[in-house]
Amino acid sequence: MDWNTIFFVIWPYISLTIFVVVTVYRSIIRPFSISSLSSQLLENKQLYWGSISFHYGIVLVLLGHLLALLIPRSVVLWNAVPLRLYLLEITGLGLGLWSLAGLLILVFRRVTVRRVQVVTTPMDVVVLAALLVSVISGVLVATLYRFGSYWFTGVFSPYLLSLATFTPRVDLVAPLPWLIKLHVINNFVLAVIFPFSRLVHIFTYPIGYLIRPWQIVLWNRKIRTQNTQ
């Protein structure tokens, strides 16, 4: 057994098992433990721009990865036209840089704002470190090993499919540069961290608020003041 087998066969199965089991446990057995533990969300422009940039940037990047995984043939056909390939590459790199900028703002805020330091836990530090490694390595991969949207469909799409079908093909990732391997391994680290951290709060996104009926609020006593509108 070599290191490639450990990191790209055994480790993915361990991390994904922990991710699924612990996330389901918290969602069903301890649903009220799922929270982002807000640290004055949107209380100033620094947090606003950091949060918006990171969340939108990372979600769109992940969506791009997911599309390349689920419909690789369509992505290959799209990239058959050089102009469209360059457009996709530039867009992906731009989104990665946008996400990185937002993450750096959030890290700076957590380091410099006293009231945020007080509510920062060791797990928060671990999460931020793992996210920094993931985003920075992703941006470097996009910069140093260009046309990732092209070779992803030929390497990682079949590799991840082989994991899903329990026929892991480590030969697909073994020849890759160390930076790409670091990016992959770290993302499986994030999968392990996810259910134990505030990241799990994404499952509490208030979708129901968009379709619930109007709420009527009745005051049982008069509390209007000169500041009440």
C-alpha atoms as a PDB file:
ATOM      1  CA  MET A   1       0.000   0.000   0.000  1.00  0.00           C
ATOM      2  CA  ASP A   2       1.466   3.354  -1.060  1.00  0.00           C
ATOM      3  CA  TRP A   3       0.661   6.961  -0.130  1.00  0.00           C
ATOM      4  CA  ASN A   4      -1.544   7.467  -3.168  1.00  0.00           C
ATOM      5  CA  THR A   5      -3.776   4.605  -2.057  1.00  0.00           C
ATOM      6  CA  ILE A   6      -3.977   6.010   1.473  1.00  0.00           C
ATOM      7  CA  PHE A   7      -4.782   9.576   0.441  1.00  0.00           C
ATOM      8  CA  PHE A   8      -6.962   8.943  -2.619  1.00  0.00           C
ATOM      9  CA  VAL A   9      -8.759   5.712  -1.760  1.00  0.00           C
ATOM     10  CA  ILE A  10      -8.858   5.097   1.992  1.00  0.00           C
ATOM     11  CA  TRP A  11      -8.975   8.732   3.106  1.00  0.00           C
ATOM     12  CA  PRO A  12     -11.883   9.736   0.819  1.00  0.00           C
ATOM     13  CA  TYR A  13     -14.050   6.876   2.077  1.00  0.00           C
ATOM     14  CA  ILE A  14     -13.255   7.671   5.715  1.00  0.00           C
ATOM     15  CA  SER A  15     -13.934  11.389   5.291  1.00  0.00           C
ATOM     16  CA  LEU A  16     -17.180  10.952   3.357  1.00  0.00           C
ATOM     17  CA  THR A  17     -18.450   8.372   5.855  1.00  0.00           C
ATOM     18  CA  ILE A  18     -17.810  10.762   8.753  1.00  0.00           C
ATOM     19  CA  PHE A  19     -19.417  13.591   6.778  1.00  0.00           C
ATOM     20  CA  VAL A  20     -22.639  11.686   6.110  1.00  0.00           C
ATOM     21  CA  VAL A  21     -23.007   9.913   9.470  1.00  0.00           C
ATOM     22  CA  VAL A  22     -22.302  12.910  11.720  1.00  0.00           C
ATOM     23  CA  THR A  23     -24.320  15.336   9.576  1.00  0.00           C
ATOM     24  CA  VAL A  24     -27.353  13.038   9.618  1.00  0.00           C
ATOM     25  CA  TYR A  25     -26.939  12.492  13.367  1.00  0.00           C
ATOM     26  CA  ARG A  26     -26.860  16.214  14.102  1.00  0.00           C
ATOM     27  CA  SER A  27     -29.763  16.899  11.762  1.00  0.00           C
ATOM     28  CA  ILE A  28     -32.042  14.228  13.255  1.00  0.00           C
ATOM     29  CA  ILE A  29     -30.914  13.678  16.847  1.00  0.00           C
ATOM     30  CA  ARG A  30     -29.570  17.132  17.706  1.00  0.00           C
ATOM     31  CA  PRO A  31     -31.190  19.566  15.251  1.00  0.00           C
ATOM     32  CA  PHE A  32     -30.901  22.559  17.584  1.00  0.00           C
ATOM     33  CA  SER A  33     -27.115  22.141  17.725  1.00  0.00           C
ATOM     34  CA  ILE A  34     -26.929  23.305  14.112  1.00  0.00           C
ATOM     35  CA  SER A  35     -26.204  27.017  14.124  1.00  0.00           C
ATOM     36  CA  SER A  36     -23.767  29.524  12.706  1.00  0.00           C
ATOM     37  CA  LEU A  37     -23.429  31.142  16.167  1.00  0.00           C
ATOM     38  CA  SER A  38     -23.700  34.590  14.658  1.00  0.00           C
ATOM     39  CA  SER A  39     -20.989  37.142  15.378  1.00  0.00           C
ATOM     40  CA  GLN A  40     -22.967  40.301  14.566  1.00  0.00           C
ATOM     41  CA  LEU A  41     -23.921  39.212  11.047  1.00  0.00           C
ATOM     42  CA  LEU A  42     -23.889  42.133   8.620  1.00  0.00           C
ATOM     43  CA  GLU A  43     -23.203  44.605  11.428  1.00  0.00           C
ATOM     44  CA  ASN A  44     -20.755  46.563   9.283  1.00  0.00           C
ATOM     45  CA  LYS A  45     -19.478  46.900   5.737  1.00  0.00           C
ATOM     46  CA  GLN A  46     -16.371  44.830   6.457  1.00  0.00           C
ATOM     47  CA  LEU A  47     -18.385  41.752   7.390  1.00  0.00           C
ATOM     48  CA  TYR A  48     -20.975  42.433   4.687  1.00  0.00           C
ATOM     49  CA  TRP A  49     -18.506  42.503   1.815  1.00  0.00           C
ATOM     50  CA  GLY A  50     -16.405  39.677   3.232  1.00  0.00           C
ATOM     51  CA  SER A  51     -19.400  37.408   3.758  1.00  0.00           C
ATOM     52  CA  ILE A  52     -21.058  38.204   0.425  1.00  0.00           C
ATOM     53  CA  SER A  53     -17.831  37.798  -1.565  1.00  0.00           C
ATOM     54  CA  PHE A  54     -16.805  34.536   0.069  1.00  0.00           C
ATOM     55  CA  HIS A  55     -20.201  32.841   0.068  1.00  0.00           C
ATOM     56  CA  TYR A  56     -21.237  33.772  -3.467  1.00  0.00           C
ATOM     57  CA  GLY A  57     -17.761  33.119  -4.849  1.00  0.00           C
ATOM     58  CA  ILE A  58     -17.354  29.693  -3.255  1.00  0.00           C
ATOM     59  CA  VAL A  59     -20.896  28.566  -4.109  1.00  0.00           C
ATOM     60  CA  LEU A  60     -20.423  29.425  -7.791  1.00  0.00           C
ATOM     61  CA  VAL A  61     -17.021  27.707  -7.860  1.00  0.00           C
ATOM     62  CA  LEU A  62     -18.520  24.577  -6.296  1.00  0.00           C
ATOM     63  CA  LEU A  63     -21.368  24.707  -8.806  1.00  0.00           C
ATOM     64  CA  GLY A  64     -18.826  24.747 -11.625  1.00  0.00           C
ATOM     65  CA  HIS A  65     -17.078  21.704 -10.149  1.00  0.00           C
ATOM     66  CA  LEU A  66     -20.424  19.935  -9.803  1.00  0.00           C
ATOM     67  CA  LEU A  67     -21.406  20.592 -13.412  1.00  0.00           C
ATOM     68  CA  ALA A  68     -18.059  19.233 -14.640  1.00  0.00           C
ATOM     69  CA  LEU A  69     -18.641  16.149 -12.505  1.00  0.00           C
ATOM     70  CA  LEU A  70     -22.258  15.482 -13.494  1.00  0.00           C
ATOM     71  CA  ILE A  71     -22.196  16.472 -17.178  1.00  0.00           C
ATOM     72  CA  PRO A  72     -18.546  16.115 -18.261  1.00  0.00           C
ATOM     73  CA  ARG A  73     -19.431  15.497 -21.907  1.00  0.00           C
ATOM     74  CA  SER A  74     -21.356  18.763 -22.123  1.00  0.00           C
ATOM     75  CA  VAL A  75     -18.422  20.621 -20.583  1.00  0.00           C
ATOM     76  CA  VAL A  76     -16.042  19.046 -23.105  1.00  0.00           C
ATOM     77  CA  LEU A  77     -18.322  20.098 -25.968  1.00  0.00           C
ATOM     78  CA  TRP A  78     -18.492  23.635 -24.563  1.00  0.00           C
ATOM     79  CA  ASN A  79     -14.701  23.791 -24.329  1.00  0.00           C
ATOM     80  CA  ALA A  80     -14.305  22.594 -27.920  1.00  0.00           C
ATOM     81  CA  VAL A  81     -14.545  26.241 -28.968  1.00  0.00           C
ATOM     82  CA  PRO A  82     -11.377  28.055 -27.767  1.00  0.00           C
ATOM     83  CA  LEU A  83     -13.187  31.316 -27.030  1.00  0.00           C
ATOM     84  CA  ARG A  84     -15.672  29.542 -24.761  1.00  0.00           C
ATOM     85  CA  LEU A  85     -12.843  27.646 -23.053  1.00  0.00           C
ATOM     86  CA  TYR A  86     -11.004  30.891 -22.260  1.00  0.00           C
ATOM     87  CA  LEU A  87     -14.240  32.490 -21.096  1.00  0.00           C
ATOM     88  CA  LEU A  88     -14.913  29.619 -18.696  1.00  0.00           C
ATOM     89  CA  GLU A  89     -11.334  29.647 -17.394  1.00  0.00           C
ATOM     90  CA  ILE A  90     -11.324  33.404 -16.786  1.00  0.00           C
ATOM     91  CA  THR A  91     -14.710  33.233 -15.085  1.00  0.00           C
ATOM     92  CA  GLY A  92     -13.596  30.398 -12.816  1.00  0.00           C
ATOM     93  CA  LEU A  93     -10.382  32.169 -11.841  1.00  0.00           C
ATOM     94  CA  GLY A  94     -12.273  35.401 -11.209  1.00  0.00           C
ATOM     95  CA  LEU A  95     -14.751  33.636  -8.935  1.00  0.00           C
ATOM     96  CA  GLY A  96     -11.890  31.979  -7.078  1.00  0.00           C
ATOM     97  CA  LEU A  97     -10.171  35.323  -6.508  1.00  0.00           C
ATOM     98  CA  TRP A  98     -13.484  36.870  -5.417  1.00  0.00           C
ATOM     99  CA  SER A  99     -13.964  34.081  -2.892  1.00  0.00           C
ATOM    100  CA  LEU A 100     -10.369  34.448  -1.664  1.00  0.00           C
ATOM    101  CA  ALA A 101     -10.781  38.199  -1.187  1.00  0.00           C
ATOM    102  CA  GLY A 102     -13.917  37.651   0.876  1.00  0.00           C
ATOM    103  CA  LEU A 103     -12.252  34.962   2.979  1.00  0.00           C
ATOM    104  CA  LEU A 104      -9.248  37.191   3.699  1.00  0.00           C
ATOM    105  CA  ILE A 105     -11.598  39.966   4.836  1.00  0.00           C
ATOM    106  CA  LEU A 106     -13.351  37.550   7.201  1.00  0.00           C
ATOM    107  CA  VAL A 107     -10.029  36.286   8.576  1.00  0.00           C
ATOM    108  CA  PHE A 108      -8.762  39.848   9.081  1.00  0.00           C
ATOM    109  CA  ARG A 109     -11.971  40.758  10.902  1.00  0.00           C
ATOM    110  CA  ARG A 110     -11.765  37.716  13.161  1.00  0.00           C
ATOM    111  CA  VAL A 111      -8.162  38.525  14.046  1.00  0.00           C
ATOM    112  CA  THR A 112      -8.575  42.258  14.636  1.00  0.00           C
ATOM    113  CA  VAL A 113     -12.085  42.729  16.078  1.00  0.00           C
ATOM    114  CA  ARG A 114     -12.126  42.038  19.804  1.00  0.00           C
ATOM    115  CA  ARG A 115     -15.781  41.029  20.132  1.00  0.00           C
ATOM    116  CA  VAL A 116     -15.312  38.499  17.341  1.00  0.00           C
ATOM    117  CA  GLN A 117     -12.169  37.095  18.970  1.00  0.00           C
ATOM    118  CA  VAL A 118     -14.183  36.418  22.122  1.00  0.00           C
ATOM    119  CA  VAL A 119     -16.619  34.094  20.318  1.00  0.00           C
ATOM    120  CA  THR A 120     -13.937  32.411  18.180  1.00  0.00           C
ATOM    121  CA  THR A 121     -13.447  28.732  19.002  1.00  0.00           C
ATOM    122  CA  PRO A 122     -10.511  26.430  18.174  1.00  0.00           C
ATOM    123  CA  MET A 123     -12.735  24.775  15.557  1.00  0.00           C
ATOM    124  CA  ASP A 124     -13.265  28.167  13.895  1.00  0.00           C
ATOM    125  CA  VAL A 125      -9.499  28.504  13.522  1.00  0.00           C
ATOM    126  CA  VAL A 126      -9.220  25.007  12.037  1.00  0.00           C
ATOM    127  CA  VAL A 127     -12.048  25.733   9.592  1.00  0.00           C
ATOM    128  CA  LEU A 128     -10.537  29.034   8.456  1.00  0.00           C
ATOM    129  CA  ALA A 129      -7.121  27.405   7.988  1.00  0.00           C
ATOM    130  CA  ALA A 130      -8.609  24.579   5.912  1.00  0.00           C
ATOM    131  CA  LEU A 131     -10.659  27.023   3.837  1.00  0.00           C
ATOM    132  CA  LEU A 132      -7.588  29.172   3.193  1.00  0.00           C
ATOM    133  CA  VAL A 133      -5.607  26.137   2.034  1.00  0.00           C
ATOM    134  CA  SER A 134      -8.481  25.048  -0.204  1.00  0.00           C
ATOM    135  CA  VAL A 135      -9.134  28.421  -1.829  1.00  0.00           C
ATOM    136  CA  ILE A 136      -5.475  29.444  -2.194  1.00  0.00           C
ATOM    137  CA  SER A 137      -4.464  26.066  -3.633  1.00  0.00           C
ATOM    138  CA  GLY A 138      -7.463  26.201  -5.972  1.00  0.00           C
ATOM    139  CA  VAL A 139      -6.485  29.637  -7.272  1.00  0.00           C
ATOM    140  CA  LEU A 140      -2.876  28.493  -7.714  1.00  0.00           C
ATOM    141  CA  VAL A 141      -3.987  25.385  -9.594  1.00  0.00           C
ATOM    142  CA  ALA A 142      -6.142  27.527 -11.891  1.00  0.00           C
ATOM    143  CA  THR A 143      -3.167  29.833 -12.481  1.00  0.00           C
ATOM    144  CA  LEU A 144      -0.300  27.347 -12.826  1.00  0.00           C
ATOM    145  CA  TYR A 145      -2.126  24.421 -14.451  1.00  0.00           C
ATOM    146  CA  ARG A 146      -4.394  26.114 -16.924  1.00  0.00           C
ATOM    147  CA  PHE A 147      -7.488  24.747 -18.615  1.00  0.00           C
ATOM    148  CA  GLY A 148      -8.622  22.958 -15.467  1.00  0.00           C
ATOM    149  CA  SER A 149     -12.181  22.885 -16.778  1.00  0.00           C
ATOM    150  CA  TYR A 150     -10.841  20.731 -19.612  1.00  0.00           C
ATOM    151  CA  TRP A 151      -8.607  18.237 -17.812  1.00  0.00           C
ATOM    152  CA  PHE A 152     -10.961  17.992 -14.801  1.00  0.00           C
ATOM    153  CA  THR A 153     -13.480  16.135 -16.951  1.00  0.00           C
ATOM    154  CA  GLY A 154     -10.838  13.628 -18.046  1.00  0.00           C
ATOM    155  CA  VAL A 155      -9.259  13.050 -14.628  1.00  0.00           C
ATOM    156  CA  PHE A 156     -11.467  13.909 -11.683  1.00  0.00           C
ATOM    157  CA  SER A 157     -14.856  13.111 -13.160  1.00  0.00           C
ATOM    158  CA  PRO A 158     -13.919   9.446 -13.775  1.00  0.00           C
ATOM    159  CA  TYR A 159     -11.925   9.330 -10.510  1.00  0.00           C
ATOM    160  CA  LEU A 160     -14.854  10.513  -8.378  1.00  0.00           C
ATOM    161  CA  LEU A 161     -17.206   8.244 -10.309  1.00  0.00           C
ATOM    162  CA  SER A 162     -14.895   5.320  -9.535  1.00  0.00           C
ATOM    163  CA  LEU A 163     -15.124   6.176  -5.827  1.00  0.00           C
ATOM    164  CA  ALA A 164     -18.916   6.331  -6.034  1.00  0.00           C
ATOM    165  CA  THR A 165     -19.058   2.891  -7.667  1.00  0.00           C
ATOM    166  CA  PHE A 166     -16.521   1.417  -5.196  1.00  0.00           C
ATOM    167  CA  THR A 167     -14.016   0.730  -7.963  1.00  0.00           C
ATOM    168  CA  PRO A 168     -11.416   3.387  -7.067  1.00  0.00           C
ATOM    169  CA  ARG A 169      -8.941   4.264  -9.808  1.00  0.00           C
ATOM    170  CA  VAL A 170      -5.969   5.740  -8.037  1.00  0.00           C
ATOM    171  CA  ASP A 171      -4.015   5.591 -11.303  1.00  0.00           C
ATOM    172  CA  LEU A 172      -5.930   8.661 -12.500  1.00  0.00           C
ATOM    173  CA  VAL A 173      -4.627  10.930  -9.734  1.00  0.00           C
ATOM    174  CA  ALA A 174      -1.251   9.366  -8.933  1.00  0.00           C
ATOM    175  CA  PRO A 175       0.655  11.265 -11.695  1.00  0.00           C
ATOM    176  CA  LEU A 176      -0.809  14.674 -10.761  1.00  0.00           C
ATOM    177  CA  PRO A 177       1.395  17.503  -9.403  1.00  0.00           C
ATOM    178  CA  TRP A 178       1.600  17.808  -5.616  1.00  0.00           C
ATOM    179  CA  LEU A 179      -0.340  21.087  -5.574  1.00  0.00           C
ATOM    180  CA  ILE A 180      -3.390  19.491  -7.169  1.00  0.00           C
ATOM    181  CA  LYS A 181      -3.107  16.548  -4.779  1.00  0.00           C
ATOM    182  CA  LEU A 182      -2.956  18.951  -1.834  1.00  0.00           C
ATOM    183  CA  HIS A 183      -6.124  20.643  -3.065  1.00  0.00           C
ATOM    184  CA  VAL A 184      -7.962  17.315  -3.280  1.00  0.00           C
ATOM    185  CA  ILE A 185      -6.740  15.958   0.065  1.00  0.00           C
ATOM    186  CA  ASN A 186      -7.592  19.210   1.841  1.00  0.00           C
ATOM    187  CA  ASN A 187     -11.125  19.163   0.450  1.00  0.00           C
ATOM    188  CA  PHE A 188     -11.633  15.749   2.018  1.00  0.00           C
ATOM    189  CA  VAL A 189     -10.291  17.245   5.266  1.00  0.00           C
ATOM    190  CA  LEU A 190     -13.020  19.888   4.966  1.00  0.00           C
ATOM    191  CA  ALA A 191     -15.570  17.091   4.544  1.00  0.00           C
ATOM    192  CA  VAL A 192     -14.474  15.670   7.915  1.00  0.00           C
ATOM    193  CA  ILE A 193     -14.512  19.065   9.622  1.00  0.00           C
ATOM    194  CA  PHE A 194     -17.855  20.096   8.141  1.00  0.00           C
ATOM    195  CA  PRO A 195     -20.321  18.309  10.471  1.00  0.00           C
ATOM    196  CA  PHE A 196     -18.387  19.310  13.607  1.00  0.00           C
ATOM    197  CA  SER A 197     -18.192  23.000  12.765  1.00  0.00           C
ATOM    198  CA  ARG A 198     -20.348  26.019  11.977  1.00  0.00           C
ATOM    199  CA  LEU A 199     -20.193  25.044   8.306  1.00  0.00           C
ATOM    200  CA  VAL A 200     -23.090  22.673   8.922  1.00  0.00           C
ATOM    201  CA  HIS A 201     -25.377  25.696   9.282  1.00  0.00           C
ATOM    202  CA  ILE A 202     -25.812  25.754   5.494  1.00  0.00           C
ATOM    203  CA  PHE A 203     -28.495  23.084   6.020  1.00  0.00           C
ATOM    204  CA  THR A 204     -30.537  25.610   7.980  1.00  0.00           C
ATOM    205  CA  TYR A 205     -30.833  28.052   5.090  1.00  0.00           C
ATOM    206  CA  PRO A 206     -34.344  29.497   5.496  1.00  0.00           C
ATOM    207  CA  ILE A 207     -35.880  28.265   2.238  1.00  0.00           C
ATOM    208  CA  GLY A 208     -39.223  27.855   4.003  1.00  0.00           C
ATOM    209  CA  TYR A 209     -39.462  31.587   4.574  1.00  0.00           C
ATOM    210  CA  LEU A 210     -39.873  32.094   0.830  1.00  0.00           C
ATOM    211  CA  ILE A 211     -43.071  30.059   0.622  1.00  0.00           C
ATOM    212  CA  ARG A 212     -44.623  30.300   4.086  1.00  0.00           C
ATOM    213  CA  PRO A 213     -47.908  32.264   4.479  1.00  0.00           C
ATOM    214  CA  TRP A 214     -47.925  35.833   5.732  1.00  0.00           C
ATOM    215  CA  GLN A 215     -47.516  36.209   9.473  1.00  0.00           C
ATOM    216  CA  ILE A 216     -49.821  38.544  11.400  1.00  0.00           C
ATOM    217  CA  VAL A 217     -48.396  40.180  14.514  1.00  0.00           C
ATOM    218  CA  LEU A 218     -50.809  41.516  17.144  1.00  0.00           C
ATOM    219  CA  TRP A 219     -49.620  43.728  19.974  1.00  0.00           C
ATOM    220  CA  ASN A 220     -51.376  43.086  23.284  1.00  0.00           C
ATOM    221  CA  ARG A 221     -50.385  46.439  24.708  1.00  0.00           C
ATOM    222  CA  LYS A 222     -49.503  49.850  23.425  1.00  0.00           C
ATOM    223  CA  ILE A 223     -45.734  50.290  23.246  1.00  0.00           C
ATOM    224  CA  ARG A 224     -45.497  53.000  20.613  1.00  0.00           C
ATOM    225  CA  THR A 225     -42.921  55.670  21.416  1.00  0.00           C
ATOM    226  CA  GLN A 226     -41.605  58.697  19.583  1.00  0.00           C
ATOM    227  CA  ASN A 227     -38.994  56.424  17.970  1.00  0.00           C
ATOM    228  CA  THR A 228     -41.549  53.875  16.769  1.00  0.00           C
ATOM    229  CA  GLN A 229     -42.514  54.114  13.123  1.00  0.00           C
END
